[in-house]
N, C-alpha and C. Protein backbone atom coordinates (compact mmCIF):
# COMPACT_ATOMS: atom_id res chain seq x y z
N MET A 1 93.78 92.74 120.56
CA MET A 1 93.82 93.99 119.79
C MET A 1 94.14 94.95 120.81
N PRO A 2 95.04 95.95 120.43
CA PRO A 2 95.45 97.03 121.27
C PRO A 2 94.25 97.98 121.56
N SER A 3 94.27 98.74 122.69
CA SER A 3 93.23 99.71 122.91
C SER A 3 93.75 101.06 122.26
N ALA A 4 92.73 101.93 122.36
CA ALA A 4 92.98 103.14 121.61
C ALA A 4 94.16 103.86 122.28
N ASN A 5 94.35 103.65 123.64
CA ASN A 5 95.38 104.41 124.19
C ASN A 5 96.74 104.00 123.73
N ASP A 6 96.83 102.82 122.95
CA ASP A 6 98.04 102.33 122.52
C ASP A 6 98.50 102.70 121.10
N ILE A 7 97.52 103.72 120.47
CA ILE A 7 97.71 104.13 119.09
C ILE A 7 98.92 105.15 119.20
N ARG A 8 99.93 105.02 118.26
CA ARG A 8 101.04 106.02 118.13
C ARG A 8 101.03 106.57 116.70
N LYS A 9 101.75 107.71 116.65
CA LYS A 9 102.06 108.29 115.44
C LYS A 9 102.72 107.38 114.41
N GLY A 10 102.31 107.39 113.09
CA GLY A 10 103.08 106.71 112.15
C GLY A 10 102.54 105.26 112.00
N GLN A 11 101.67 104.73 112.84
CA GLN A 11 101.04 103.44 112.85
C GLN A 11 99.86 103.49 111.77
N VAL A 12 99.57 102.37 111.11
CA VAL A 12 98.53 102.35 110.21
C VAL A 12 97.42 101.41 110.79
N ILE A 13 96.28 102.05 110.95
CA ILE A 13 95.10 101.32 111.57
C ILE A 13 93.97 101.01 110.63
N LYS A 14 93.10 100.22 110.86
CA LYS A 14 91.79 99.77 110.13
C LYS A 14 90.75 100.60 110.64
N PHE A 15 90.17 101.51 109.89
CA PHE A 15 88.94 102.35 110.60
C PHE A 15 87.99 102.28 109.47
N ASN A 16 86.82 101.84 109.67
CA ASN A 16 85.71 101.75 108.71
C ASN A 16 86.01 100.90 107.42
N GLY A 17 86.96 99.77 107.75
CA GLY A 17 87.29 98.99 106.60
C GLY A 17 88.48 99.54 105.76
N GLU A 18 88.93 100.62 106.07
CA GLU A 18 89.98 101.16 105.23
C GLU A 18 91.37 101.47 105.93
N PRO A 19 92.38 101.34 105.37
CA PRO A 19 93.64 101.68 106.22
C PRO A 19 93.79 103.15 106.20
N HIS A 20 94.24 103.57 107.42
CA HIS A 20 94.50 105.01 107.78
C HIS A 20 95.78 105.15 108.48
N LEU A 21 96.51 106.14 108.13
CA LEU A 21 97.85 106.59 108.62
C LEU A 21 97.56 107.46 109.77
N VAL A 22 98.03 107.17 110.93
CA VAL A 22 97.92 108.02 112.19
C VAL A 22 98.97 109.11 112.08
N MET A 23 98.59 110.40 111.98
CA MET A 23 99.38 111.48 111.86
C MET A 23 99.58 112.06 113.18
N GLU A 24 98.59 111.99 114.13
CA GLU A 24 98.79 112.79 115.54
C GLU A 24 97.71 112.06 116.47
N THR A 25 98.16 112.00 117.58
CA THR A 25 97.31 111.38 118.74
C THR A 25 97.30 112.42 119.84
N MET A 26 96.28 112.36 120.60
CA MET A 26 96.18 113.25 121.79
C MET A 26 95.34 112.60 122.83
N HIS A 27 95.84 112.12 124.02
CA HIS A 27 94.97 111.66 125.06
C HIS A 27 94.33 112.72 125.89
N ARG A 28 93.03 112.70 126.04
CA ARG A 28 92.32 113.76 126.70
C ARG A 28 91.61 113.33 127.95
N THR A 29 91.57 113.91 129.08
CA THR A 29 90.77 113.58 130.14
C THR A 29 90.00 114.70 130.65
N PRO A 30 88.83 115.16 130.08
CA PRO A 30 88.08 116.44 130.49
C PRO A 30 87.60 116.10 131.90
N GLY A 31 87.33 117.13 132.61
CA GLY A 31 87.07 117.08 134.13
C GLY A 31 85.93 116.23 134.40
N ASN A 32 84.74 116.22 133.94
CA ASN A 32 83.74 115.32 134.36
C ASN A 32 83.22 114.38 133.35
N LEU A 33 84.13 114.19 132.43
CA LEU A 33 83.75 113.04 131.43
C LEU A 33 84.82 112.08 131.30
N ARG A 34 84.53 110.97 130.57
CA ARG A 34 85.45 109.89 130.48
C ARG A 34 86.71 110.17 129.51
N ALA A 35 87.77 109.65 129.82
CA ALA A 35 88.90 109.88 128.90
C ALA A 35 88.75 109.25 127.43
N PHE A 36 89.29 110.03 126.56
CA PHE A 36 89.25 109.57 125.16
C PHE A 36 90.51 109.92 124.47
N VAL A 37 90.69 109.42 123.11
CA VAL A 37 91.81 109.61 122.59
C VAL A 37 91.44 110.39 121.19
N GLN A 38 91.87 111.53 120.94
CA GLN A 38 91.54 112.22 119.79
C GLN A 38 92.80 111.83 118.75
N VAL A 39 92.31 111.37 117.57
CA VAL A 39 93.40 110.91 116.58
C VAL A 39 93.14 111.68 115.31
N LYS A 40 94.17 112.20 114.71
CA LYS A 40 94.29 112.80 113.23
C LYS A 40 94.80 111.85 112.31
N MET A 41 94.03 111.47 111.22
CA MET A 41 94.63 110.42 110.47
C MET A 41 94.14 110.61 109.12
N ARG A 42 94.89 109.97 108.10
CA ARG A 42 94.70 110.08 106.78
C ARG A 42 94.35 108.75 105.98
N ASN A 43 93.29 108.68 105.28
CA ASN A 43 92.85 107.54 104.57
C ASN A 43 94.00 107.33 103.41
N LEU A 44 94.55 105.97 103.40
CA LEU A 44 95.60 105.85 102.57
C LEU A 44 95.07 105.44 101.15
N ARG A 45 94.01 105.14 100.99
CA ARG A 45 93.48 104.85 99.62
C ARG A 45 93.10 106.09 99.00
N TYR A 46 92.48 107.12 99.59
CA TYR A 46 91.72 108.21 99.10
C TYR A 46 92.58 109.58 99.33
N GLY A 47 93.43 109.57 100.49
CA GLY A 47 94.24 110.69 100.81
C GLY A 47 93.41 111.59 101.78
N LYS A 48 92.17 111.44 102.00
CA LYS A 48 91.43 112.44 102.87
C LYS A 48 91.77 112.19 104.31
N ALA A 49 91.95 113.46 104.93
CA ALA A 49 92.45 113.50 106.33
C ALA A 49 91.08 113.79 107.11
N LEU A 50 91.12 113.18 108.31
CA LEU A 50 89.99 113.21 109.26
C LEU A 50 90.41 113.23 110.72
N ASP A 51 89.48 113.70 111.62
CA ASP A 51 89.70 113.77 112.97
C ASP A 51 88.85 112.63 113.60
N GLN A 52 89.10 111.80 114.48
CA GLN A 52 88.33 110.75 115.04
C GLN A 52 88.49 110.66 116.51
N ARG A 53 87.56 110.50 117.26
CA ARG A 53 87.53 110.56 118.74
C ARG A 53 87.27 108.96 119.16
N PHE A 54 88.14 108.31 119.74
CA PHE A 54 88.04 106.93 120.29
C PHE A 54 87.80 106.99 121.86
N ALA A 55 87.12 106.19 122.42
CA ALA A 55 87.02 105.89 123.92
C ALA A 55 88.35 105.25 124.40
N SER A 56 88.74 105.36 125.35
CA SER A 56 90.03 104.78 125.83
C SER A 56 89.99 103.30 125.83
N THR A 57 88.73 102.87 125.93
CA THR A 57 88.63 101.33 126.06
C THR A 57 88.33 100.80 124.60
N ASP A 58 88.16 101.54 123.65
CA ASP A 58 87.86 100.99 122.32
C ASP A 58 89.12 100.06 121.93
N THR A 59 88.81 99.05 121.11
CA THR A 59 89.95 98.21 120.46
C THR A 59 90.14 98.74 119.17
N ILE A 60 91.30 98.65 118.60
CA ILE A 60 91.71 99.25 117.31
C ILE A 60 92.64 98.21 116.69
N GLU A 61 92.24 97.88 115.36
CA GLU A 61 93.16 97.08 114.56
C GLU A 61 94.28 97.63 114.05
N VAL A 62 95.46 97.30 114.53
CA VAL A 62 96.71 97.81 113.85
C VAL A 62 97.22 96.94 112.75
N LEU A 63 97.47 97.55 111.58
CA LEU A 63 97.77 96.62 110.35
C LEU A 63 99.26 96.55 110.34
N PRO A 64 99.87 95.27 110.00
CA PRO A 64 101.17 95.30 109.87
C PRO A 64 101.71 95.98 108.49
N THR A 65 102.78 96.76 108.80
CA THR A 65 103.30 97.67 107.77
C THR A 65 104.82 97.26 107.38
N GLU A 66 105.24 97.61 106.38
CA GLU A 66 106.56 97.52 105.95
C GLU A 66 107.02 98.62 105.10
N LYS A 67 108.11 99.13 105.14
CA LYS A 67 108.61 100.40 104.25
C LYS A 67 109.80 99.77 103.54
N LYS A 68 109.69 99.86 102.22
CA LYS A 68 110.99 99.41 101.33
C LYS A 68 111.40 100.57 100.54
N SER A 69 112.71 100.59 100.42
CA SER A 69 113.28 101.63 99.71
C SER A 69 113.53 100.91 98.09
N LEU A 70 112.78 101.40 97.18
CA LEU A 70 112.91 100.86 95.84
C LEU A 70 113.49 101.91 94.84
N GLU A 71 114.07 101.41 93.77
CA GLU A 71 114.59 102.32 92.63
C GLU A 71 113.65 102.21 91.49
N PHE A 72 113.34 103.35 90.79
CA PHE A 72 112.53 103.33 89.79
C PHE A 72 113.17 102.82 88.48
N SER A 73 112.74 101.98 87.73
CA SER A 73 113.19 101.31 86.71
C SER A 73 112.73 101.96 85.16
N TYR A 74 111.41 101.63 85.01
CA TYR A 74 110.85 102.13 83.72
C TYR A 74 109.27 102.20 83.93
N VAL A 75 108.66 102.73 82.73
CA VAL A 75 107.26 102.79 82.60
C VAL A 75 106.97 102.01 81.48
N ASP A 76 105.80 101.20 81.68
CA ASP A 76 105.26 100.34 80.56
C ASP A 76 103.84 100.51 80.56
N ARG A 77 103.24 101.51 79.65
CA ARG A 77 101.78 101.93 79.63
C ARG A 77 101.36 102.36 81.02
N ASP A 78 100.38 101.66 81.55
CA ASP A 78 99.88 102.22 82.97
C ASP A 78 100.59 101.65 84.25
N SER A 79 101.65 101.01 84.08
CA SER A 79 102.41 100.32 85.12
C SER A 79 103.68 100.97 85.44
N TYR A 80 104.21 101.14 86.45
CA TYR A 80 105.54 101.69 86.87
C TYR A 80 106.38 100.77 87.37
N ALA A 81 107.50 100.29 86.78
CA ALA A 81 108.33 99.19 87.42
C ALA A 81 109.41 99.69 88.39
N PHE A 82 109.49 99.14 89.59
CA PHE A 82 110.48 99.51 90.58
C PHE A 82 111.27 98.21 90.97
N MET A 83 112.62 98.47 91.35
CA MET A 83 113.34 97.30 91.72
C MET A 83 113.77 97.45 93.09
N ASP A 84 113.72 96.34 93.73
CA ASP A 84 114.23 96.16 95.20
C ASP A 84 115.76 95.98 95.01
N PRO A 85 116.50 96.88 95.48
CA PRO A 85 117.99 96.92 95.44
C PRO A 85 118.61 95.66 96.14
N GLU A 86 117.89 95.14 97.09
CA GLU A 86 118.41 94.10 97.89
C GLU A 86 118.26 92.67 97.27
N THR A 87 116.91 92.38 96.75
CA THR A 87 116.53 91.24 96.31
C THR A 87 116.53 91.16 94.58
N PHE A 88 116.69 92.36 94.13
CA PHE A 88 116.67 92.53 92.66
C PHE A 88 115.20 92.10 92.14
N GLU A 89 114.25 92.13 92.99
CA GLU A 89 112.90 91.79 92.65
C GLU A 89 112.28 92.99 92.06
N THR A 90 111.43 92.82 90.80
CA THR A 90 110.85 93.94 90.15
C THR A 90 109.26 93.92 90.61
N ILE A 91 109.00 95.13 91.10
CA ILE A 91 107.65 95.19 91.64
C ILE A 91 106.82 96.41 90.75
N GLU A 92 105.63 96.02 90.18
CA GLU A 92 104.87 96.91 89.35
C GLU A 92 103.84 97.66 90.30
N LEU A 93 103.68 99.09 89.93
CA LEU A 93 102.77 99.65 90.68
C LEU A 93 101.93 100.55 89.62
N SER A 94 100.63 100.64 89.88
CA SER A 94 99.75 101.16 89.06
C SER A 94 99.87 102.56 88.94
N ALA A 95 99.38 103.23 87.59
CA ALA A 95 99.52 104.62 87.47
C ALA A 95 98.59 105.34 88.40
N THR A 96 97.51 104.80 88.98
CA THR A 96 96.59 105.53 89.77
C THR A 96 97.30 105.60 91.20
N LEU A 97 98.08 104.53 91.53
CA LEU A 97 98.79 104.61 92.86
C LEU A 97 99.82 105.74 92.83
N ILE A 98 100.60 105.84 91.70
CA ILE A 98 101.71 106.71 91.49
C ILE A 98 101.30 108.17 91.45
N GLY A 99 100.13 108.41 90.86
CA GLY A 99 99.55 109.75 90.64
C GLY A 99 100.43 110.81 90.33
N ASP A 100 100.59 111.91 90.95
CA ASP A 100 101.41 113.07 90.42
C ASP A 100 102.82 112.81 90.81
N THR A 101 103.21 111.85 91.43
CA THR A 101 104.65 111.56 91.80
C THR A 101 105.31 111.15 90.45
N LYS A 102 104.78 110.96 89.45
CA LYS A 102 105.38 110.50 88.27
C LYS A 102 106.27 111.60 87.65
N ASN A 103 105.89 112.99 88.06
CA ASN A 103 106.55 114.08 87.66
C ASN A 103 107.95 114.13 88.33
N TYR A 104 108.34 113.23 89.21
CA TYR A 104 109.57 113.43 89.95
C TYR A 104 110.39 112.02 89.78
N LEU A 105 109.84 111.19 89.04
CA LEU A 105 110.58 109.83 88.96
C LEU A 105 111.53 109.88 87.77
N THR A 106 112.82 109.60 88.00
CA THR A 106 113.74 109.35 87.00
C THR A 106 114.41 108.01 87.11
N ALA A 107 115.15 107.64 86.12
CA ALA A 107 115.74 106.23 86.18
C ALA A 107 116.71 105.97 87.25
N ASN A 108 116.55 105.03 88.03
CA ASN A 108 117.21 104.77 89.38
C ASN A 108 117.07 105.76 90.39
N GLY A 109 116.10 106.52 90.36
CA GLY A 109 115.58 107.53 91.39
C GLY A 109 114.95 106.52 92.57
N LYS A 110 115.35 106.91 93.76
CA LYS A 110 114.83 106.12 95.16
C LYS A 110 113.59 106.70 95.49
N VAL A 111 112.68 105.85 95.80
CA VAL A 111 111.45 106.21 96.72
C VAL A 111 111.28 105.31 97.76
N ASP A 112 110.45 105.53 98.64
CA ASP A 112 110.04 104.62 99.78
C ASP A 112 108.63 104.42 99.58
N VAL A 113 108.42 102.98 99.65
CA VAL A 113 106.95 102.61 99.31
C VAL A 113 106.55 101.84 100.69
N LEU A 114 105.40 102.20 101.22
CA LEU A 114 104.67 101.79 102.35
C LEU A 114 103.83 100.47 101.97
N PHE A 115 104.20 99.31 102.41
CA PHE A 115 103.33 98.26 102.16
C PHE A 115 102.45 97.89 103.45
N VAL A 116 101.22 97.57 103.05
CA VAL A 116 100.22 97.10 104.20
C VAL A 116 99.69 95.92 103.77
N ASP A 117 99.95 94.79 104.64
CA ASP A 117 99.55 93.54 104.16
C ASP A 117 100.10 93.14 102.88
N GLU A 118 101.38 93.53 102.67
CA GLU A 118 101.99 93.21 101.34
C GLU A 118 101.59 93.67 100.09
N LYS A 119 100.67 94.76 100.31
CA LYS A 119 100.24 95.60 99.22
C LYS A 119 100.65 96.99 99.21
N PRO A 120 101.21 97.53 98.17
CA PRO A 120 101.70 98.81 98.13
C PRO A 120 100.57 99.82 98.31
N LEU A 121 100.67 100.95 99.36
CA LEU A 121 99.62 101.80 99.44
C LEU A 121 100.10 103.31 99.22
N THR A 122 101.30 103.51 99.52
CA THR A 122 101.60 105.01 99.53
C THR A 122 103.20 105.08 98.96
N ILE A 123 103.47 106.11 98.25
CA ILE A 123 104.79 106.31 97.91
C ILE A 123 105.26 107.63 98.33
N GLU A 124 106.50 107.51 98.99
CA GLU A 124 107.22 108.78 99.62
C GLU A 124 108.41 109.22 98.90
N LEU A 125 108.48 110.36 98.18
CA LEU A 125 109.59 110.79 97.68
C LEU A 125 110.53 111.54 98.46
N PRO A 126 111.87 111.67 98.03
CA PRO A 126 112.67 112.54 98.78
C PRO A 126 112.24 113.94 98.81
N SER A 127 112.77 114.87 99.68
CA SER A 127 112.22 116.26 99.71
C SER A 127 112.54 117.02 98.39
N SER A 128 113.73 116.60 97.77
CA SER A 128 113.96 117.34 96.48
C SER A 128 114.53 116.27 95.49
N VAL A 129 114.49 116.60 94.22
CA VAL A 129 114.99 115.69 93.14
C VAL A 129 115.75 116.56 92.24
N ASN A 130 116.69 115.95 91.51
CA ASN A 130 117.60 116.77 90.52
C ASN A 130 116.94 116.13 89.07
N LEU A 131 116.55 117.15 88.33
CA LEU A 131 115.99 116.90 86.94
C LEU A 131 116.58 117.79 85.92
N LYS A 132 116.77 117.28 84.61
CA LYS A 132 117.28 118.00 83.53
C LYS A 132 116.12 118.83 82.95
N VAL A 133 116.70 120.13 82.40
CA VAL A 133 115.87 120.99 81.67
C VAL A 133 115.84 120.52 80.17
N THR A 134 114.88 120.15 79.64
CA THR A 134 114.80 119.73 78.30
C THR A 134 114.39 120.71 77.29
N GLU A 135 113.48 121.87 77.86
CA GLU A 135 113.08 122.82 76.79
C GLU A 135 112.86 124.21 77.71
N SER A 136 113.41 125.18 77.21
CA SER A 136 113.26 126.50 77.88
C SER A 136 113.63 127.61 76.98
N SER A 137 112.77 128.64 77.02
CA SER A 137 113.02 129.89 76.10
C SER A 137 114.10 130.64 76.58
N ASP A 138 114.68 131.31 75.75
CA ASP A 138 115.72 132.31 76.17
C ASP A 138 115.26 133.42 76.82
N GLY A 139 115.97 133.89 77.85
CA GLY A 139 115.49 135.21 78.63
C GLY A 139 115.65 136.54 77.59
N ILE A 140 114.83 137.28 77.75
CA ILE A 140 114.90 138.50 76.89
C ILE A 140 116.06 139.59 77.46
N LYS A 141 116.95 140.09 76.67
CA LYS A 141 118.04 140.95 77.04
C LYS A 141 117.43 142.15 77.66
N GLY A 142 118.00 142.58 78.73
CA GLY A 142 117.55 143.69 79.38
C GLY A 142 116.34 143.63 80.35
N ASP A 143 115.83 142.39 80.31
CA ASP A 143 114.62 142.06 81.20
C ASP A 143 115.25 141.52 82.51
N THR A 144 115.71 142.47 83.41
CA THR A 144 116.44 142.19 84.41
C THR A 144 115.77 142.82 85.74
N ALA A 145 114.46 142.85 85.69
CA ALA A 145 113.69 143.23 86.95
C ALA A 145 113.98 142.11 87.87
N SER A 146 113.67 142.42 89.15
CA SER A 146 113.97 141.43 90.19
C SER A 146 113.03 140.23 90.13
N ASN A 147 113.62 139.04 90.35
CA ASN A 147 112.83 137.84 90.35
C ASN A 147 111.98 137.55 89.10
N VAL A 148 112.45 137.83 87.99
CA VAL A 148 111.82 137.48 86.77
C VAL A 148 112.04 135.89 86.37
N GLN A 149 110.84 135.27 86.01
CA GLN A 149 111.06 133.81 85.80
C GLN A 149 110.37 133.53 84.49
N LYS A 150 110.76 132.30 83.91
CA LYS A 150 110.28 131.96 82.81
C LYS A 150 109.85 130.27 82.81
N PRO A 151 108.87 129.73 82.08
CA PRO A 151 108.64 128.37 82.36
C PRO A 151 109.77 127.50 81.58
N ALA A 152 109.97 126.36 82.20
CA ALA A 152 110.94 125.34 81.72
C ALA A 152 110.35 123.90 81.76
N THR A 153 110.39 123.30 80.70
CA THR A 153 109.89 121.81 80.83
C THR A 153 111.22 120.86 81.12
N LEU A 154 110.91 120.02 82.05
CA LEU A 154 111.93 119.09 82.56
C LEU A 154 111.68 117.58 81.88
N GLU A 155 112.72 116.84 82.18
CA GLU A 155 112.85 115.45 81.55
C GLU A 155 111.61 114.68 81.78
N THR A 156 110.84 114.88 82.88
CA THR A 156 109.65 114.20 83.17
C THR A 156 108.36 114.61 82.76
N GLY A 157 108.48 116.03 82.03
CA GLY A 157 107.28 116.38 81.50
C GLY A 157 106.66 117.60 82.34
N LEU A 158 107.41 117.72 83.64
CA LEU A 158 106.90 118.71 84.52
C LEU A 158 107.46 120.10 83.96
N VAL A 159 106.41 121.27 84.16
CA VAL A 159 106.65 122.45 83.68
C VAL A 159 106.76 123.24 85.18
N VAL A 160 108.17 123.82 85.43
CA VAL A 160 108.07 124.87 86.55
C VAL A 160 108.68 126.12 85.96
N ASN A 161 108.52 127.11 86.72
CA ASN A 161 109.13 128.40 86.66
C ASN A 161 110.49 128.46 87.12
N VAL A 162 111.47 129.04 86.35
CA VAL A 162 112.89 129.03 86.68
C VAL A 162 113.39 130.58 86.43
N PRO A 163 114.54 130.75 87.10
CA PRO A 163 115.14 132.09 86.80
C PRO A 163 115.38 132.25 85.27
N LEU A 164 115.79 133.43 84.72
CA LEU A 164 116.08 133.63 83.43
C LEU A 164 117.35 133.01 82.84
N PHE A 165 118.41 132.81 83.73
CA PHE A 165 119.79 132.30 83.40
C PHE A 165 119.84 130.81 83.37
N ILE A 166 118.69 130.15 83.50
CA ILE A 166 118.77 128.71 83.50
C ILE A 166 118.55 128.42 82.15
N LYS A 167 119.42 127.45 81.39
CA LYS A 167 119.37 127.19 79.95
C LYS A 167 119.05 125.64 79.73
N GLU A 168 118.65 125.25 78.55
CA GLU A 168 118.39 123.76 78.21
C GLU A 168 119.61 123.04 78.45
N GLY A 169 119.46 121.65 79.04
CA GLY A 169 120.57 120.73 79.46
C GLY A 169 121.09 120.89 80.96
N GLU A 170 120.64 122.00 81.55
CA GLU A 170 121.09 122.10 82.88
C GLU A 170 120.36 121.25 83.86
N ILE A 171 121.03 120.90 85.02
CA ILE A 171 120.28 120.01 85.94
C ILE A 171 119.99 121.02 87.04
N ILE A 172 118.73 120.87 87.41
CA ILE A 172 118.25 121.88 88.65
C ILE A 172 117.48 121.00 89.69
N ARG A 173 117.44 121.52 90.80
CA ARG A 173 116.84 120.78 92.09
C ARG A 173 115.32 121.40 92.14
N ILE A 174 114.50 120.46 92.25
CA ILE A 174 113.00 120.82 92.41
C ILE A 174 112.53 120.17 93.71
N SER A 175 111.68 121.02 94.45
CA SER A 175 111.11 120.54 95.75
C SER A 175 110.03 119.56 95.27
N THR A 176 109.75 118.39 95.89
CA THR A 176 108.70 117.43 95.65
C THR A 176 107.51 117.90 96.47
N ASP A 177 107.52 118.69 97.34
CA ASP A 177 106.51 119.24 98.02
C ASP A 177 105.39 120.09 97.18
N ASP A 178 105.96 121.03 96.47
CA ASP A 178 105.16 121.80 95.79
C ASP A 178 105.74 122.09 94.33
N GLY A 179 106.80 121.37 93.84
CA GLY A 179 107.10 121.37 92.50
C GLY A 179 107.84 122.78 92.09
N SER A 180 108.47 123.44 93.08
CA SER A 180 109.07 124.67 92.92
C SER A 180 110.72 124.64 92.67
N TYR A 181 111.27 125.37 91.88
CA TYR A 181 112.69 125.56 91.70
C TYR A 181 113.34 125.94 92.96
N MET A 182 114.45 125.19 93.20
CA MET A 182 115.15 125.42 94.48
C MET A 182 116.61 125.93 94.09
N GLY A 183 117.08 125.48 92.94
CA GLY A 183 118.44 126.00 92.58
C GLY A 183 119.16 125.01 91.63
N ARG A 184 120.22 125.39 91.13
CA ARG A 184 121.09 124.53 90.45
C ARG A 184 121.60 123.22 91.14
N ALA A 185 121.74 122.15 90.52
CA ALA A 185 122.22 120.97 91.21
C ALA A 185 123.85 120.87 91.14
């Protein structure tokens, strides 16, 4: 097993029996103390971030990972079906694993899925997605104060604030980080 000195950003390690994604590492050697590695990591099952200090000589279990680019196909009750575009294999993921990313999934939309020990653990969306406006009230004539916005419902059920000129049927770009309106597509 590799030592704590060999931990790198982006690796998935086993800590307290759970997989953790390493977000940042820093090797420290304080003046009169032994060297240690400060690791900032996120639990992949629960999403909780933590800082942990490892001695340089500690052994760490690095889990084998694989990242696959999959296309969203359909929803069937509590499972979401994705297709591997290379093998055409269908992979079903649970609604609990999908979480809030369901608001950004459209047919044939691409996502990156991180597999650890051949089990899907996290889903990474692109930085923005294009969604169709399905319901939006009309702006009030004369209401032209700067940056006035109205709520709009998108094809996935997500409700976002958009400028008054956006109408039903338009395709708009949405940020997947915070769900904000970015512009017309």
